């Protein structure tokens, strides 16, 4: 969170979205807009900032209907859940 607080961007919006992603590690811009009551341009700027910081990743590669994941958080949740490879 220190990276966010030290960013030159709109810290309040970024923190708002970051907090949302902590509870919903896979999210769309629509869900974020509904939950955080922010404009779409503000959401997109904040998500771009979070992506540049390496906190989130957009996984669809699409221009519209993007899905963002808080990858590090999901990695922690998935630790120890992989199946062993059988030979």
C-alpha atoms as a PDB file:
ATOM      1  CA  UNK A   1       0.000   0.000   0.000  1.00  0.00           C
ATOM      2  CA  UNK A   2       2.997   2.278   0.489  1.00  0.00           C
ATOM      3  CA  UNK A   3       3.547   2.269  -3.296  1.00  0.00           C
ATOM      4  CA  UNK A   4       0.009   3.582  -3.777  1.00  0.00           C
ATOM      5  CA  UNK A   5       0.324   6.289  -1.154  1.00  0.00           C
ATOM      6  CA  UNK A   6       3.571   7.487  -2.725  1.00  0.00           C
ATOM      7  CA  UNK A   7       2.177   7.566  -6.264  1.00  0.00           C
ATOM      8  CA  UNK A   8       1.560  10.873  -8.001  1.00  0.00           C
ATOM      9  CA  UNK A   9      -1.921   9.779  -9.063  1.00  0.00           C
ATOM     10  CA  UNK A  10      -5.322  10.248  -7.413  1.00  0.00           C
ATOM     11  CA  UNK A  11      -4.548   8.311  -4.267  1.00  0.00           C
ATOM     12  CA  UNK A  12      -8.112   8.271  -2.906  1.00  0.00           C
ATOM     13  CA  UNK A  13      -9.572   6.610  -6.017  1.00  0.00           C
ATOM     14  CA  UNK A  14      -6.688   4.160  -6.315  1.00  0.00           C
ATOM     15  CA  UNK A  15      -6.984   3.172  -2.640  1.00  0.00           C
ATOM     16  CA  UNK A  16     -10.748   2.808  -2.990  1.00  0.00           C
ATOM     17  CA  UNK A  17     -10.329   0.386  -5.904  1.00  0.00           C
ATOM     18  CA  UNK A  18      -7.408  -1.390  -4.216  1.00  0.00           C
ATOM     19  CA  UNK A  19      -9.559  -1.987  -1.121  1.00  0.00           C
ATOM     20  CA  UNK A  20     -12.354  -3.335  -3.311  1.00  0.00           C
ATOM     21  CA  UNK A  21      -9.947  -5.716  -5.055  1.00  0.00           C
ATOM     22  CA  UNK A  22      -8.773  -7.075  -1.705  1.00  0.00           C
ATOM     23  CA  UNK A  23     -12.282  -8.453  -1.195  1.00  0.00           C
ATOM     24  CA  UNK A  24     -12.965  -9.186  -4.877  1.00  0.00           C
ATOM     25  CA  UNK A  25      -9.641 -10.223  -6.453  1.00  0.00           C
ATOM     26  CA  UNK A  26     -11.281 -10.759  -9.853  1.00  0.00           C
ATOM     27  CA  UNK A  27     -13.317  -7.787 -11.017  1.00  0.00           C
ATOM     28  CA  UNK A  28     -14.729  -5.967 -14.015  1.00  0.00           C
ATOM     29  CA  UNK A  29     -14.924  -2.218 -14.457  1.00  0.00           C
ATOM     30  CA  UNK A  30     -18.713  -2.493 -14.165  1.00  0.00           C
ATOM     31  CA  UNK A  31     -18.509  -4.165 -10.746  1.00  0.00           C
ATOM     32  CA  UNK A  32     -15.907  -1.663  -9.560  1.00  0.00           C
ATOM     33  CA  UNK A  33     -18.081   1.245 -10.765  1.00  0.00           C
ATOM     34  CA  UNK A  34     -21.112  -0.111  -8.906  1.00  0.00           C
ATOM     35  CA  UNK A  35     -19.191  -0.770  -5.696  1.00  0.00           C
ATOM     36  CA  UNK A  36     -16.943   2.286  -5.563  1.00  0.00           C
ATOM     37  CA  UNK A  37     -19.239   4.969  -7.047  1.00  0.00           C
ATOM     38  CA  UNK A  38     -16.509   6.325  -9.298  1.00  0.00           C
ATOM     39  CA  UNK A  39     -16.686   7.471 -12.910  1.00  0.00           C
ATOM     40  CA  UNK A  40     -15.443   5.093 -15.587  1.00  0.00           C
ATOM     41  CA  UNK A  41     -12.566   7.402 -16.634  1.00  0.00           C
ATOM     42  CA  UNK A  42     -11.401   7.601 -12.998  1.00  0.00           C
ATOM     43  CA  UNK A  43     -11.633   3.828 -12.676  1.00  0.00           C
ATOM     44  CA  UNK A  44      -9.648   3.279 -15.882  1.00  0.00           C
ATOM     45  CA  UNK A  45      -6.915   5.724 -14.813  1.00  0.00           C
ATOM     46  CA  UNK A  46      -6.706   4.090 -11.391  1.00  0.00           C
ATOM     47  CA  UNK A  47      -6.601   0.572 -12.837  1.00  0.00           C
ATOM     48  CA  UNK A  48      -3.868   1.649 -15.260  1.00  0.00           C
ATOM     49  CA  UNK A  49      -1.882   3.013 -12.314  1.00  0.00           C
ATOM     50  CA  UNK A  50      -2.373  -0.192 -10.316  1.00  0.00           C
ATOM     51  CA  UNK A  51      -1.313  -2.214 -13.351  1.00  0.00           C
ATOM     52  CA  UNK A  52       1.835  -0.105 -13.845  1.00  0.00           C
ATOM     53  CA  UNK A  53       2.660  -0.646 -10.154  1.00  0.00           C
ATOM     54  CA  UNK A  54       2.425  -4.403 -10.744  1.00  0.00           C
ATOM     55  CA  UNK A  55      -0.468  -4.851  -8.298  1.00  0.00           C
ATOM     56  CA  UNK A  56      -3.109  -5.977 -10.786  1.00  0.00           C
ATOM     57  CA  UNK A  57      -3.219  -7.470 -14.253  1.00  0.00           C
ATOM     58  CA  UNK A  58      -5.802  -7.256 -17.025  1.00  0.00           C
ATOM     59  CA  UNK A  59      -6.373 -10.824 -18.238  1.00  0.00           C
ATOM     60  CA  UNK A  60      -8.649 -10.651 -21.287  1.00  0.00           C
ATOM     61  CA  UNK A  61      -6.507  -8.587 -23.649  1.00  0.00           C
ATOM     62  CA  UNK A  62      -9.734  -7.026 -24.946  1.00  0.00           C
ATOM     63  CA  UNK A  63     -10.386  -3.359 -25.547  1.00  0.00           C
ATOM     64  CA  UNK A  64     -13.795  -3.594 -23.814  1.00  0.00           C
ATOM     65  CA  UNK A  65     -15.262  -5.804 -21.057  1.00  0.00           C
ATOM     66  CA  UNK A  66     -11.914  -6.104 -19.336  1.00  0.00           C
ATOM     67  CA  UNK A  67     -11.327  -8.315 -16.317  1.00  0.00           C
ATOM     68  CA  UNK A  68      -8.715  -7.328 -13.761  1.00  0.00           C
ATOM     69  CA  UNK A  69      -7.129  -9.649 -11.224  1.00  0.00           C
ATOM     70  CA  UNK A  70      -5.208  -8.945  -8.065  1.00  0.00           C
ATOM     71  CA  UNK A  71      -2.713 -11.633  -9.044  1.00  0.00           C
ATOM     72  CA  UNK A  72      -0.481 -11.657  -5.972  1.00  0.00           C
ATOM     73  CA  UNK A  73      -3.524 -12.056  -3.729  1.00  0.00           C
ATOM     74  CA  UNK A  74      -4.817 -14.971  -5.806  1.00  0.00           C
ATOM     75  CA  UNK A  75      -1.366 -16.574  -5.770  1.00  0.00           C
ATOM     76  CA  UNK A  76      -1.419 -16.515  -1.955  1.00  0.00           C
ATOM     77  CA  UNK A  77      -4.907 -18.046  -1.876  1.00  0.00           C
ATOM     78  CA  UNK A  78      -3.813 -20.778  -4.303  1.00  0.00           C
ATOM     79  CA  UNK A  79      -0.678 -21.800  -2.401  1.00  0.00           C
ATOM     80  CA  UNK A  80      -0.709 -25.515  -1.718  1.00  0.00           C
ATOM     81  CA  UNK A  81      -3.760 -26.178  -3.869  1.00  0.00           C
ATOM     82  CA  UNK A  82      -2.021 -27.521  -6.970  1.00  0.00           C
ATOM     83  CA  UNK A  83      -2.402 -31.181  -7.834  1.00  0.00           C
ATOM     84  CA  UNK A  84       0.726 -33.346  -7.920  1.00  0.00           C
ATOM     85  CA  UNK A  85       1.792 -34.450 -11.387  1.00  0.00           C
ATOM     86  CA  UNK A  86       1.391 -38.167 -12.035  1.00  0.00           C
ATOM     87  CA  UNK A  87       3.930 -40.052 -14.117  1.00  0.00           C
END
